[in-house]
C-alpha atoms as a PDB file:
ATOM      1  CA  MET A   1      44.881 -44.962 -15.498  1.00  0.00           C
ATOM      2  CA  SER A   2      41.391 -43.351 -14.876  1.00  0.00           C
ATOM      3  CA  SER A   3      40.814 -46.245 -11.829  1.00  0.00           C
ATOM      4  CA  PRO A   4      43.572 -44.894  -9.363  1.00  0.00           C
ATOM      5  CA  ALA A   5      42.440 -40.733 -10.168  1.00  0.00           C
ATOM      6  CA  ARG A   6      38.770 -42.188  -9.576  1.00  0.00           C
ATOM      7  CA  GLU A   7      39.630 -43.762  -6.415  1.00  0.00           C
ATOM      8  CA  LEU A   8      42.215 -40.591  -4.933  1.00  0.00           C
ATOM      9  CA  SER A   9      39.281 -38.476  -5.946  1.00  0.00           C
ATOM     10  CA  ASP A  10      37.066 -39.453  -2.955  1.00  0.00           C
ATOM     11  CA  ARG A  11      40.041 -40.107  -0.278  1.00  0.00           C
ATOM     12  CA  ARG A  12      40.236 -36.777   2.002  1.00  0.00           C
ATOM     13  CA  GLN A  13      43.552 -34.766   2.444  1.00  0.00           C
ATOM     14  CA  CYS A  14      44.684 -36.096  -0.216  1.00  0.00           C
ATOM     15  CA  PRO A  15      48.427 -34.230  -1.379  1.00  0.00           C
ATOM     16  CA  CYS A  16      47.762 -35.504  -4.703  1.00  0.00           C
ATOM     17  CA  ARG A  17      45.968 -33.059  -7.041  1.00  0.00           C
ATOM     18  CA  LEU A  18      45.234 -34.287  -9.789  1.00  0.00           C
ATOM     19  CA  GLY A  19      44.897 -32.892 -12.544  1.00  0.00           C
ATOM     20  CA  HIS A  20      47.232 -30.279 -11.749  1.00  0.00           C
ATOM     21  CA  ARG A  21      49.605 -30.943 -13.844  1.00  0.00           C
ATOM     22  CA  PHE A  22      47.181 -30.677 -16.813  1.00  0.00           C
ATOM     23  CA  VAL A  23      45.220 -27.586 -15.888  1.00  0.00           C
ATOM     24  CA  SER A  24      48.984 -25.782 -15.399  1.00  0.00           C
ATOM     25  CA  ALA A  25      50.048 -26.863 -18.921  1.00  0.00           C
ATOM     26  CA  VAL A  26      47.094 -25.248 -20.013  1.00  0.00           C
ATOM     27  CA  VAL A  27      47.391 -21.904 -18.043  1.00  0.00           C
ATOM     28  CA  ALA A  28      50.942 -22.029 -19.563  1.00  0.00           C
ATOM     29  CA  ALA A  29      49.942 -22.061 -22.938  1.00  0.00           C
ATOM     30  CA  VAL A  30      47.076 -18.994 -22.510  1.00  0.00           C
ATOM     31  CA  CYS A  31      49.335 -16.897 -20.578  1.00  0.00           C
ATOM     32  CA  ALA A  32      52.470 -17.742 -23.069  1.00  0.00           C
ATOM     33  CA  PRO A  33      54.210 -15.099 -24.732  1.00  0.00           C
ATOM     34  CA  GLN A  34      52.048 -13.820 -27.650  1.00  0.00           C
ATOM     35  CA  LEU A  35      53.011 -11.690 -30.773  1.00  0.00           C
ATOM     36  CA  GLY A  36      54.849  -8.874 -30.087  1.00  0.00           C
ATOM     37  CA  ARG A  37      53.615  -9.034 -26.022  1.00  0.00           C
ATOM     38  CA  PRO A  38      56.089  -7.401 -23.851  1.00  0.00           C
ATOM     39  CA  ASP A  39      54.426  -8.035 -20.894  1.00  0.00           C
ATOM     40  CA  ALA A  40      53.900 -11.535 -20.999  1.00  0.00           C
ATOM     41  CA  ALA A  41      56.636 -12.436 -18.028  1.00  0.00           C
ATOM     42  CA  GLY A  42      54.080 -10.907 -16.302  1.00  0.00           C
ATOM     43  CA  ARG A  43      50.785 -12.057 -16.927  1.00  0.00           C
ATOM     44  CA  ARG A  44      53.047 -15.501 -16.071  1.00  0.00           C
ATOM     45  CA  ALA A  45      53.890 -13.844 -12.666  1.00  0.00           C
ATOM     46  CA  ARG A  46      50.031 -13.081 -11.994  1.00  0.00           C
ATOM     47  CA  CYS A  47      48.953 -16.173 -12.429  1.00  0.00           C
ATOM     48  CA  GLN A  48      51.722 -17.639 -10.593  1.00  0.00           C
ATOM     49  CA  ILE A  49      53.231 -20.045 -13.284  1.00  0.00           C
ATOM     50  CA  ALA A  50      56.663 -21.476 -12.269  1.00  0.00           C
ATOM     51  CA  ASP A  51      59.758 -20.589 -14.545  1.00  0.00           C
ATOM     52  CA  GLY A  52      59.670 -24.033 -15.714  1.00  0.00           C
ATOM     53  CA  GLU A  53      55.931 -24.578 -16.003  1.00  0.00           C
ATOM     54  CA  ARG A  54      56.422 -24.951 -20.412  1.00  0.00           C
ATOM     55  CA  HIS A  55      53.876 -26.754 -22.668  1.00  0.00           C
ATOM     56  CA  ARG A  56      54.864 -30.336 -22.636  1.00  0.00           C
ATOM     57  CA  PRO A  57      53.242 -33.648 -24.919  1.00  0.00           C
ATOM     58  CA  LYS A  58      50.247 -35.370 -22.883  1.00  0.00           C
ATOM     59  CA  TRP A  59      52.825 -38.882 -22.098  1.00  0.00           C
ATOM     60  CA  GLN A  60      55.440 -36.430 -20.599  1.00  0.00           C
ATOM     61  CA  LEU A  61      52.265 -35.386 -18.382  1.00  0.00           C
ATOM     62  CA  ALA A  62      51.203 -39.150 -18.228  1.00  0.00           C
ATOM     63  CA  LEU A  63      54.727 -40.050 -16.467  1.00  0.00           C
ATOM     64  CA  GLU A  64      54.160 -36.858 -14.241  1.00  0.00           C
ATOM     65  CA  MET A  65      50.909 -38.030 -12.648  1.00  0.00           C
ATOM     66  CA  LEU A  66      52.739 -41.813 -13.224  1.00  0.00           C
ATOM     67  CA  ASP A  67      55.644 -40.495 -10.494  1.00  0.00           C
ATOM     68  CA  GLU A  68      53.445 -38.927  -8.112  1.00  0.00           C
ATOM     69  CA  PHE A  69      51.229 -41.773  -8.168  1.00  0.00           C
ATOM     70  CA  ALA A  70      54.579 -43.817  -6.866  1.00  0.00           C
ATOM     71  CA  ALA A  71      56.179 -41.415  -4.946  1.00  0.00           C
ATOM     72  CA  LEU A  72      52.026 -41.578  -2.347  1.00  0.00           C
ATOM     73  CA  ARG A  73      53.046 -45.738  -2.734  1.00  0.00           C
ATOM     74  CA  LEU A  74      49.940 -45.716  -5.383  1.00  0.00           C
ATOM     75  CA  GLY A  75      50.985 -47.729  -8.226  1.00  0.00           C
ATOM     76  CA  THR A  76      48.979 -49.898 -10.533  1.00  0.00           C
ATOM     77  CA  ALA A  77      48.716 -53.569 -11.322  1.00  0.00           C
ATOM     78  CA  VAL A  78      48.252 -52.373 -15.772  1.00  0.00           C
ATOM     79  CA  LEU A  79      48.641 -49.758 -17.201  1.00  0.00           C
ATOM     80  CA  VAL A  80      45.810 -49.430 -20.248  1.00  0.00           C
ATOM     81  CA  ALA A  81      46.107 -46.188 -22.703  1.00  0.00           C
ATOM     82  CA  ASP A  82      45.139 -45.949 -25.844  1.00  0.00           C
ATOM     83  CA  THR A  83      47.542 -45.478 -29.624  1.00  0.00           C
ATOM     84  CA  GLY A  84      47.870 -41.180 -28.579  1.00  0.00           C
ATOM     85  CA  TYR A  85      50.265 -43.108 -25.742  1.00  0.00           C
ATOM     86  CA  GLY A  86      51.341 -46.578 -26.931  1.00  0.00           C
ATOM     87  CA  ALA A  87      52.303 -45.356 -31.084  1.00  0.00           C
ATOM     88  CA  ASN A  88      54.774 -43.118 -28.583  1.00  0.00           C
ATOM     89  CA  ALA A  89      58.011 -45.058 -28.105  1.00  0.00           C
ATOM     90  CA  ASP A  90      59.432 -42.793 -25.300  1.00  0.00           C
ATOM     91  CA  PHE A  91      56.520 -43.615 -23.564  1.00  0.00           C
ATOM     92  CA  ARG A  92      57.010 -47.222 -23.907  1.00  0.00           C
ATOM     93  CA  HIS A  93      60.356 -46.771 -22.342  1.00  0.00           C
ATOM     94  CA  ALA A  94      60.113 -44.743 -19.728  1.00  0.00           C
ATOM     95  CA  LEU A  95      57.627 -47.369 -18.594  1.00  0.00           C
ATOM     96  CA  LYS A  96      60.025 -50.360 -19.252  1.00  0.00           C
ATOM     97  CA  GLU A  97      62.746 -48.596 -16.848  1.00  0.00           C
ATOM     98  CA  ARG A  98      59.591 -47.323 -14.093  1.00  0.00           C
ATOM     99  CA  GLY A  99      58.959 -51.396 -14.401  1.00  0.00           C
ATOM    100  CA  LEU A 100      55.923 -50.992 -15.490  1.00  0.00           C
ATOM    101  CA  ALA A 101      53.103 -53.625 -16.646  1.00  0.00           C
ATOM    102  CA  TYR A 102      50.964 -51.636 -19.229  1.00  0.00           C
ATOM    103  CA  ALA A 103      48.511 -52.865 -22.761  1.00  0.00           C
ATOM    104  CA  LEU A 104      48.709 -50.259 -24.620  1.00  0.00           C
ATOM    105  CA  HIS A 105      47.199 -50.005 -28.174  1.00  0.00           C
ATOM    106  CA  GLY A 106      49.603 -49.695 -30.797  1.00  0.00           C
ATOM    107  CA  GLU A 107      48.570 -48.591 -34.553  1.00  0.00           C
ATOM    108  CA  SER A 108      50.636 -47.790 -36.956  1.00  0.00           C
ATOM    109  CA  GLU A 109      49.869 -43.537 -36.986  1.00  0.00           C
ATOM    110  CA  PRO A 110      53.121 -42.093 -36.563  1.00  0.00           C
ATOM    111  CA  TYR A 111      52.790 -39.254 -33.815  1.00  0.00           C
ATOM    112  CA  GLU A 112      56.083 -39.069 -33.998  1.00  0.00           C
ATOM    113  CA  ASP A 113      56.409 -38.372 -38.062  1.00  0.00           C
ATOM    114  CA  PRO A 114      57.227 -34.015 -37.330  1.00  0.00           C
ATOM    115  CA  THR A 115      56.095 -33.542 -40.994  1.00  0.00           C
ATOM    116  CA  ARG A 116      52.924 -35.866 -40.383  1.00  0.00           C
ATOM    117  CA  LEU A 117      50.463 -33.224 -38.153  1.00  0.00           C
ATOM    118  CA  PRO A 118      51.475 -30.165 -40.664  1.00  0.00           C
ATOM    119  CA  ALA A 119      50.632 -32.441 -43.534  1.00  0.00           C
ATOM    120  CA  LEU A 120      47.493 -32.813 -41.743  1.00  0.00           C
ATOM    121  CA  LEU A 121      46.651 -29.561 -41.167  1.00  0.00           C
ATOM    122  CA  ALA A 122      47.445 -27.956 -44.454  1.00  0.00           C
ATOM    123  CA  THR A 123      44.318 -30.364 -45.395  1.00  0.00           C
ATOM    124  CA  ALA A 124      41.890 -29.715 -42.782  1.00  0.00           C
ATOM    125  CA  ARG A 125      39.002 -28.049 -42.739  1.00  0.00           C
ATOM    126  CA  GLY A 126      36.501 -28.122 -40.411  1.00  0.00           C
ATOM    127  CA  THR A 127      36.653 -27.056 -36.979  1.00  0.00           C
ATOM    128  CA  SER A 128      36.416 -30.111 -35.603  1.00  0.00           C
ATOM    129  CA  THR A 129      38.530 -32.157 -37.588  1.00  0.00           C
ATOM    130  CA  LEU A 130      41.234 -29.391 -36.300  1.00  0.00           C
ATOM    131  CA  ARG A 131      40.548 -29.435 -32.645  1.00  0.00           C
ATOM    132  CA  ASP A 132      41.042 -33.597 -32.846  1.00  0.00           C
ATOM    133  CA  LEU A 133      43.892 -32.783 -34.610  1.00  0.00           C
ATOM    134  CA  LEU A 134      45.724 -30.270 -31.930  1.00  0.00           C
ATOM    135  CA  SER A 135      44.516 -32.728 -29.129  1.00  0.00           C
ATOM    136  CA  GLU A 136      46.242 -35.369 -30.508  1.00  0.00           C
ATOM    137  CA  PRO A 137      50.155 -36.329 -29.601  1.00  0.00           C
ATOM    138  CA  TYR A 138      51.807 -35.490 -32.783  1.00  0.00           C
ATOM    139  CA  ALA A 139      55.160 -33.812 -32.587  1.00  0.00           C
ATOM    140  CA  HIS A 140      54.866 -30.180 -33.449  1.00  0.00           C
ATOM    141  CA  ASP A 141      57.748 -29.368 -35.238  1.00  0.00           C
ATOM    142  CA  LEU A 142      57.616 -25.481 -35.548  1.00  0.00           C
ATOM    143  CA  ASP A 143      59.984 -25.064 -38.396  1.00  0.00           C
ATOM    144  CA  ALA A 144      58.162 -27.752 -40.047  1.00  0.00           C
ATOM    145  CA  LEU A 145      54.273 -26.305 -39.026  1.00  0.00           C
ATOM    146  CA  ALA A 146      55.132 -23.001 -40.150  1.00  0.00           C
ATOM    147  CA  ALA A 147      56.777 -23.771 -43.987  1.00  0.00           C
ATOM    148  CA  ALA A 148      53.969 -25.878 -43.910  1.00  0.00           C
ATOM    149  CA  HIS A 149      52.134 -23.068 -43.366  1.00  0.00           C
ATOM    150  CA  ALA A 150      53.937 -20.952 -45.675  1.00  0.00           C
ATOM    151  CA  ALA A 151      53.167 -23.063 -48.546  1.00  0.00           C
ATOM    152  CA  THR A 152      49.691 -23.649 -48.045  1.00  0.00           C
ATOM    153  CA  PRO A 153      47.911 -21.492 -45.125  1.00  0.00           C
ATOM    154  CA  PHE A 154      45.696 -23.562 -42.646  1.00  0.00           C
ATOM    155  CA  MET A 155      42.750 -22.579 -41.445  1.00  0.00           C
ATOM    156  CA  PRO A 156      42.471 -19.816 -39.189  1.00  0.00           C
ATOM    157  CA  LYS A 157      41.280 -21.756 -36.200  1.00  0.00           C
ATOM    158  CA  ALA A 158      44.888 -24.347 -36.053  1.00  0.00           C
ATOM    159  CA  CYS A 159      46.341 -20.679 -36.150  1.00  0.00           C
ATOM    160  CA  GLU A 160      45.198 -19.490 -33.479  1.00  0.00           C
ATOM    161  CA  GLU A 161      46.355 -22.120 -31.262  1.00  0.00           C
ATOM    162  CA  LEU A 162      49.858 -22.623 -32.609  1.00  0.00           C
ATOM    163  CA  ALA A 163      50.160 -19.084 -32.343  1.00  0.00           C
ATOM    164  CA  ARG A 164      50.859 -19.551 -28.764  1.00  0.00           C
ATOM    165  CA  HIS A 165      52.236 -22.372 -29.195  1.00  0.00           C
ATOM    166  CA  GLU A 166      55.116 -21.480 -26.481  1.00  0.00           C
ATOM    167  CA  ALA A 167      57.968 -23.177 -28.697  1.00  0.00           C
ATOM    168  CA  ALA A 168      56.603 -20.401 -32.287  1.00  0.00           C
ATOM    169  CA  SER A 169      59.647 -17.595 -32.315  1.00  0.00           C
ATOM    170  CA  ASP A 170      58.208 -14.517 -33.314  1.00  0.00           C
ATOM    171  CA  ALA A 171      58.252 -14.780 -36.861  1.00  0.00           C
ATOM    172  CA  GLN A 172      56.265 -17.577 -36.591  1.00  0.00           C
ATOM    173  CA  ARG A 173      53.878 -16.089 -34.608  1.00  0.00           C
ATOM    174  CA  HIS A 174      54.245 -13.185 -37.054  1.00  0.00           C
ATOM    175  CA  ALA A 175      52.816 -15.533 -39.666  1.00  0.00           C
ATOM    176  CA  PHE A 176      49.994 -18.069 -37.712  1.00  0.00           C
ATOM    177  CA  ARG A 177      48.634 -14.224 -36.139  1.00  0.00           C
ATOM    178  CA  LEU A 178      48.483 -13.187 -39.833  1.00  0.00           C
ATOM    179  CA  SER A 179      46.354 -15.893 -41.043  1.00  0.00           C
ATOM    180  CA  VAL A 180      43.869 -15.171 -37.995  1.00  0.00           C
ATOM    181  CA  LEU A 181      43.416 -11.510 -38.695  1.00  0.00           C
ATOM    182  CA  ASN A 182      43.185 -12.525 -42.290  1.00  0.00           C
ATOM    183  CA  GLU A 183      40.323 -13.986 -41.782  1.00  0.00           C
ATOM    184  CA  PRO A 184      36.807 -11.904 -41.395  1.00  0.00           C
ATOM    185  CA  TRP A 185      38.632 -10.256 -44.447  1.00  0.00           C
ATOM    186  CA  ARG A 186      37.403 -13.595 -46.471  1.00  0.00           C
ATOM    187  CA  ALA A 187      38.604 -13.284 -50.546  1.00  0.00           C
ATOM    188  CA  GLY A 188      35.176 -13.445 -52.237  1.00  0.00           C
ATOM    189  CA  GLY A 189      33.316 -14.366 -48.686  1.00  0.00           C
ATOM    190  CA  ARG A 190      35.277 -17.892 -48.508  1.00  0.00           C
ATOM    191  CA  ARG A 191      36.494 -18.534 -45.397  1.00  0.00           C
ATOM    192  CA  ALA A 192      40.138 -20.260 -45.889  1.00  0.00           C
ATOM    193  CA  GLY A 193      43.981 -19.368 -44.553  1.00  0.00           C
ATOM    194  CA  ASN A 194      45.082 -16.695 -45.745  1.00  0.00           C
ATOM    195  CA  ILE A 195      48.565 -15.273 -45.112  1.00  0.00           C
ATOM    196  CA  THR A 196      48.399 -12.353 -47.991  1.00  0.00           C
ATOM    197  CA  PRO A 197      50.384  -8.739 -46.002  1.00  0.00           C
ATOM    198  CA  PRO A 198      47.364  -6.194 -45.386  1.00  0.00           C
ATOM    199  CA  ALA A 199      49.691  -4.217 -47.648  1.00  0.00           C
ATOM    200  CA  ARG A 200      49.197  -6.245 -50.689  1.00  0.00           C
ATOM    201  CA  ARG A 201      45.225  -6.856 -50.030  1.00  0.00           C
ATOM    202  CA  LEU A 202      44.823  -3.030 -49.840  1.00  0.00           C
ATOM    203  CA  ALA A 203      46.225  -2.196 -53.297  1.00  0.00           C
ATOM    204  CA  GLU A 204      44.266  -5.501 -55.008  1.00  0.00           C
ATOM    205  CA  GLU A 205      41.144  -5.955 -52.855  1.00  0.00           C
ATOM    206  CA  GLU A 206      38.164  -4.213 -52.162  1.00  0.00           C
ATOM    207  CA  LEU A 207      37.499  -3.009 -48.599  1.00  0.00           C
ATOM    208  CA  ASP A 208      33.282  -3.368 -46.980  1.00  0.00           C
ATOM    209  CA  GLU A 209      31.528  -1.937 -44.623  1.00  0.00           C
ATOM    210  CA  ASN A 210      34.012  -4.479 -42.162  1.00  0.00           C
ATOM    211  CA  ALA A 211      37.012  -2.257 -43.460  1.00  0.00           C
ATOM    212  CA  ALA A 212      37.070  -0.404 -39.549  1.00  0.00           C
ATOM    213  CA  VAL A 213      37.635  -3.274 -37.350  1.00  0.00           C
ATOM    214  CA  ARG A 214      39.960  -5.326 -39.286  1.00  0.00           C
ATOM    215  CA  ALA A 215      42.251  -2.450 -39.465  1.00  0.00           C
ATOM    216  CA  GLU A 216      42.243  -1.896 -35.811  1.00  0.00           C
ATOM    217  CA  GLY A 217      43.226  -5.660 -35.300  1.00  0.00           C
ATOM    218  CA  LEU A 218      45.595  -5.426 -38.085  1.00  0.00           C
ATOM    219  CA  ALA A 219      46.877  -1.782 -36.173  1.00  0.00           C
ATOM    220  CA  VAL A 220      47.588  -3.766 -32.864  1.00  0.00           C
ATOM    221  CA  ALA A 221      49.614  -6.807 -34.095  1.00  0.00           C
ATOM    222  CA  GLY A 222      51.737  -4.434 -35.482  1.00  0.00           C
ATOM    223  CA  LEU A 223      50.618  -5.843 -39.829  1.00  0.00           C
ATOM    224  CA  LEU A 224      49.379  -2.610 -40.197  1.00  0.00           C
ATOM    225  CA  ASP A 225      50.189   0.559 -41.895  1.00  0.00           C
ATOM    226  CA  PRO A 226      47.786   3.469 -41.493  1.00  0.00           C
ATOM    227  CA  MET A 227      49.648   5.300 -44.376  1.00  0.00           C
ATOM    228  CA  ASP A 228      48.497   2.299 -46.642  1.00  0.00           C
ATOM    229  CA  LEU A 229      44.209   3.755 -46.160  1.00  0.00           C
ATOM    230  CA  ILE A 230      45.059   6.874 -47.384  1.00  0.00           C
ATOM    231  CA  ALA A 231      47.354   5.784 -50.851  1.00  0.00           C
ATOM    232  CA  THR A 232      46.666   2.674 -51.383  1.00  0.00           C
ATOM    233  CA  ALA A 233      43.056   1.026 -49.988  1.00  0.00           C
ATOM    234  CA  HIS A 234      39.621   1.523 -51.819  1.00  0.00           C
ATOM    235  CA  PRO A 235      37.354   3.136 -52.090  1.00  0.00           C
ATOM    236  CA  ALA A 236      37.846   5.849 -50.615  1.00  0.00           C
ATOM    237  CA  ALA A 237      34.557   5.637 -47.892  1.00  0.00           C
ATOM    238  CA  HIS A 238      35.357   2.920 -46.172  1.00  0.00           C
ATOM    239  CA  ALA A 239      39.175   3.619 -45.959  1.00  0.00           C
ATOM    240  CA  LEU A 240      38.567   7.338 -43.812  1.00  0.00           C
ATOM    241  CA  ALA A 241      35.681   5.039 -41.967  1.00  0.00           C
ATOM    242  CA  ALA A 242      38.794   2.720 -40.938  1.00  0.00           C
ATOM    243  CA  LEU A 243      41.608   5.940 -40.068  1.00  0.00           C
ATOM    244  CA  ALA A 244      38.803   7.242 -38.170  1.00  0.00           C
ATOM    245  CA  ARG A 245      38.565   4.554 -35.947  1.00  0.00           C
ATOM    246  CA  LEU A 246      42.393   4.001 -35.665  1.00  0.00           C
ATOM    247  CA  ALA A 247      42.184   8.018 -35.350  1.00  0.00           C
ATOM    248  CA  ALA A 248      39.847   7.579 -32.384  1.00  0.00           C
ATOM    249  CA  ARG A 249      41.597   4.711 -30.804  1.00  0.00           C
ATOM    250  CA  ASP A 250      45.690   6.248 -30.674  1.00  0.00           C
ATOM    251  CA  LEU A 251      46.750   3.874 -33.674  1.00  0.00           C
ATOM    252  CA  LEU A 252      46.942   6.539 -36.561  1.00  0.00           C
ATOM    253  CA  GLY A 253      50.777   8.137 -35.730  1.00  0.00           C
ATOM    254  CA  THR A 254      52.464  10.537 -36.633  1.00  0.00           C
ATOM    255  CA  ALA A 255      52.953   9.966 -39.929  1.00  0.00           C
ATOM    256  CA  ALA A 256      49.794   9.067 -41.467  1.00  0.00           C
ATOM    257  CA  VAL A 257      48.928  12.100 -39.404  1.00  0.00           C
ATOM    258  CA  THR A 258      51.254  14.218 -41.070  1.00  0.00           C
ATOM    259  CA  ASP A 259      50.364  12.867 -44.504  1.00  0.00           C
ATOM    260  CA  LEU A 260      46.793  14.113 -43.953  1.00  0.00           C
ATOM    261  CA  HIS A 261      47.105  17.449 -43.378  1.00  0.00           C
ATOM    262  CA  ALA A 262      49.393  17.756 -46.090  1.00  0.00           C
ATOM    263  CA  LEU A 263      47.596  16.426 -49.057  1.00  0.00           C
ATOM    264  CA  THR A 264      44.323  18.790 -47.273  1.00  0.00           C
ATOM    265  CA  GLN A 265      46.407  21.383 -46.834  1.00  0.00           C
ATOM    266  CA  ALA A 266      47.836  21.356 -50.671  1.00  0.00           C
ATOM    267  CA  HIS A 267      43.654  20.473 -52.490  1.00  0.00           C
ATOM    268  CA  LEU A 268      41.953  21.653 -50.487  1.00  0.00           C
ATOM    269  CA  GLY A 269      43.120  24.232 -47.840  1.00  0.00           C
ATOM    270  CA  GLU A 270      40.093  26.861 -46.648  1.00  0.00           C
ATOM    271  CA  ARG A 271      38.009  26.988 -49.189  1.00  0.00           C
ATOM    272  CA  ALA A 272      34.976  25.960 -48.858  1.00  0.00           C
ATOM    273  CA  ARG A 273      33.433  24.774 -52.025  1.00  0.00           C
ATOM    274  CA  ALA A 274      36.689  22.728 -52.485  1.00  0.00           C
ATOM    275  CA  TRP A 275      35.281  20.693 -49.106  1.00  0.00           C
ATOM    276  CA  ALA A 276      32.244  20.501 -50.015  1.00  0.00           C
ATOM    277  CA  THR A 277      33.516  18.590 -53.745  1.00  0.00           C
ATOM    278  CA  LEU A 278      34.416  16.647 -51.775  1.00  0.00           C
ATOM    279  CA  ASP A 279      31.520  15.724 -49.882  1.00  0.00           C
ATOM    280  CA  ALA A 280      29.683  15.177 -53.090  1.00  0.00           C
ATOM    281  CA  LEU A 281      32.502  12.831 -54.799  1.00  0.00           C
ATOM    282  CA  LEU A 282      32.934  10.643 -51.481  1.00  0.00           C
ATOM    283  CA  PRO A 283      29.591   8.154 -51.715  1.00  0.00           C
ATOM    284  CA  GLU A 284      30.462   7.356 -55.280  1.00  0.00           C
ATOM    285  CA  HIS A 285      34.946   7.249 -55.591  1.00  0.00           C
ATOM    286  CA  LYS A 286      36.567   4.406 -55.762  1.00  0.00           C
ATOM    287  CA  GLY A 287      39.979   5.140 -55.380  1.00  0.00           C
ATOM    288  CA  THR A 288      41.799   6.286 -52.452  1.00  0.00           C
ATOM    289  CA  VAL A 289      41.568   8.460 -50.243  1.00  0.00           C
ATOM    290  CA  ALA A 290      44.578  10.309 -51.109  1.00  0.00           C
ATOM    291  CA  GLU A 291      43.504  10.415 -54.982  1.00  0.00           C
ATOM    292  CA  LEU A 292      40.078  11.444 -53.550  1.00  0.00           C
ATOM    293  CA  ILE A 293      41.634  14.420 -52.229  1.00  0.00           C
ATOM    294  CA  ALA A 294      43.090  15.565 -55.103  1.00  0.00           C
ATOM    295  CA  LYS A 295      40.585  15.262 -57.468  1.00  0.00           C
ATOM    296  CA  ALA A 296      38.046  17.473 -55.039  1.00  0.00           C
ATOM    297  CA  GLY A 297      40.786  20.075 -55.228  1.00  0.00           C
ATOM    298  CA  LYS A 298      40.714  19.737 -58.900  1.00  0.00           C
ATOM    299  CA  ALA A 299      37.581  19.762 -59.473  1.00  0.00           C
ATOM    300  CA  ALA A 300      36.694  22.407 -57.121  1.00  0.00           C
ATOM    301  CA  HIS A 301      39.542  25.146 -58.933  1.00  0.00           C
ATOM    302  CA  GLU A 302      38.052  24.077 -61.922  1.00  0.00           C
ATOM    303  CA  THR A 303      34.312  24.742 -61.246  1.00  0.00           C
ATOM    304  CA  ALA A 304      35.467  28.147 -59.031  1.00  0.00           C
ATOM    305  CA  ALA A 305      37.067  28.931 -62.820  1.00  0.00           C
ATOM    306  CA  GLU A 306      34.021  28.470 -65.241  1.00  0.00           C
ATOM    307  CA  THR A 307      31.413  30.272 -62.888  1.00  0.00           C
ATOM    308  CA  GLU A 308      33.738  33.726 -61.297  1.00  0.00           C
ATOM    309  CA  PRO A 309      32.596  36.373 -62.763  1.00  0.00           C
ATOM    310  CA  PRO A 310      34.517  38.880 -64.730  1.00  0.00           C
ATOM    311  CA  ALA A 311      36.813  41.258 -61.966  1.00  0.00           C
ATOM    312  CA  ALA A 312      35.160  44.420 -63.866  1.00  0.00           C
ATOM    313  CA  MET A 313      31.860  42.886 -63.030  1.00  0.00           C
ATOM    314  CA  THR A 314      32.305  42.098 -59.522  1.00  0.00           C
ATOM    315  CA  PRO A 315      30.614  44.030 -57.570  1.00  0.00           C
ATOM    316  CA  ARG A 316      31.989  46.043 -54.611  1.00  0.00           C
ATOM    317  CA  HIS A 317      30.953  45.622 -50.817  1.00  0.00           C
ATOM    318  CA  GLN A 318      28.165  47.932 -49.576  1.00  0.00           C
ATOM    319  CA  PRO A 319      28.937  49.404 -46.238  1.00  0.00           C
ATOM    320  CA  GLY A 320      27.569  46.729 -43.984  1.00  0.00           C
ATOM    321  CA  SER A 321      26.870  44.128 -46.152  1.00  0.00           C
ATOM    322  CA  LEU A 322      29.451  40.914 -44.942  1.00  0.00           C
ATOM    323  CA  ALA A 323      32.684  40.338 -46.978  1.00  0.00           C
ATOM    324  CA  PRO A 324      33.114  37.094 -48.264  1.00  0.00           C
ATOM    325  CA  SER A 325      35.368  35.487 -45.668  1.00  0.00           C
ATOM    326  CA  ARG A 326      33.015  36.090 -43.164  1.00  0.00           C
ATOM    327  CA  ARG A 327      29.913  35.003 -45.184  1.00  0.00           C
ATOM    328  CA  ALA A 328      32.457  32.271 -45.465  1.00  0.00           C
ATOM    329  CA  ALA A 329      32.276  31.621 -41.873  1.00  0.00           C
ATOM    330  CA  HIS A 330      28.684  31.484 -41.136  1.00  0.00           C
ATOM    331  CA  ARG A 331      28.267  28.859 -43.621  1.00  0.00           C
ATOM    332  CA  PRO A 332      27.594  25.369 -42.150  1.00  0.00           C
ATOM    333  CA  ARG A 333      31.044  22.969 -42.352  1.00  0.00           C
ATOM    334  CA  PRO A 334      30.590  20.377 -44.583  1.00  0.00           C
ATOM    335  CA  ARG A 335      30.901  16.455 -43.057  1.00  0.00           C
ATOM    336  CA  MET A 336      33.876  15.491 -44.705  1.00  0.00           C
ATOM    337  CA  GLU A 337      35.793  19.160 -43.305  1.00  0.00           C
ATOM    338  CA  SER A 338      34.963  18.044 -39.737  1.00  0.00           C
ATOM    339  CA  THR A 339      35.445  14.269 -40.460  1.00  0.00           C
ATOM    340  CA  VAL A 340      39.272  14.868 -41.327  1.00  0.00           C
ATOM    341  CA  GLU A 341      39.849  17.342 -39.337  1.00  0.00           C
ATOM    342  CA  ALA A 342      39.386  15.153 -36.302  1.00  0.00           C
ATOM    343  CA  LEU A 343      41.844  13.128 -38.196  1.00  0.00           C
ATOM    344  CA  LEU A 344      44.357  15.744 -38.203  1.00  0.00           C
ATOM    345  CA  THR A 345      43.546  16.338 -34.427  1.00  0.00           C
ATOM    346  CA  ASP A 346      46.620  15.518 -32.557  1.00  0.00           C
ATOM    347  CA  ARG A 347      46.620  11.515 -31.705  1.00  0.00           C
ATOM    348  CA  THR A 348      50.296  11.270 -32.759  1.00  0.00           C
ATOM    349  CA  ARG A 349      51.619   9.645 -29.226  1.00  0.00           C
END
């Protein structure tokens, strides 16, 4: 196949656009509908991809190119191809139907077996190995691939490619995409496939300094409920950073804003002492944001009760002196009060 292609490339005004089939297939794969992306049809239209242009295996693309050559009366004497084509019975039969002579390498690799690629992806770890496997003409049975991934999660690189596969359903894209988004959130620092739902991971694992970036990616993909960052995620410092990032990108949602407002009003209110206590507890607090707010409110109340002088000894305000409410208004606002107020800003769209 390479000799006619090279010959055609040297001819001017040639109506045959070499590589068109391969390029269009790649463009179609890149612009295929992705998880929860309603603008897929629009993107395909902007790229001028025909409605009938869909993913096809390499052997079908090769047959289409051969038919283009035949239409231009540029046949081949003998077609030579490697195992990727020779092991495919449909390809061999199509060549016979077209009356083409061929010499194909026919090793015993079972490319047509739908269970072969899932088994290989379940054990492959290296990026180059995964790339090679996905470029080989194995049968892509998405049901078998999704089932194998659920049993033994594939590496994120493989999931990234499979999530773009046009034959994948929304549920299958969701499962593959979850492993991709879980990849930066490594358990014990080890890179591996992971299909654990974010809500469960937030309950079982501690967040780190990269939590805010991960939370944004998961929220955009619809895989994270911001409410879990309030009631489940820990420690509170990293959870609060993630909440702030979601709020800045209009991803926090009405329910989370409402819950934060209710928690702060119930436990902290307008008490400067309570907000200052929250600031003091935050760096070392290992629990959730909800637990931190409740703990700060309780601690501030207990401290106030211990230090408040008896009512009879409370000094009267002299003329011209600042009343307590005015004095509190002139105090610098605690850092956490400003942060939570930013989260409670109207970002409920």
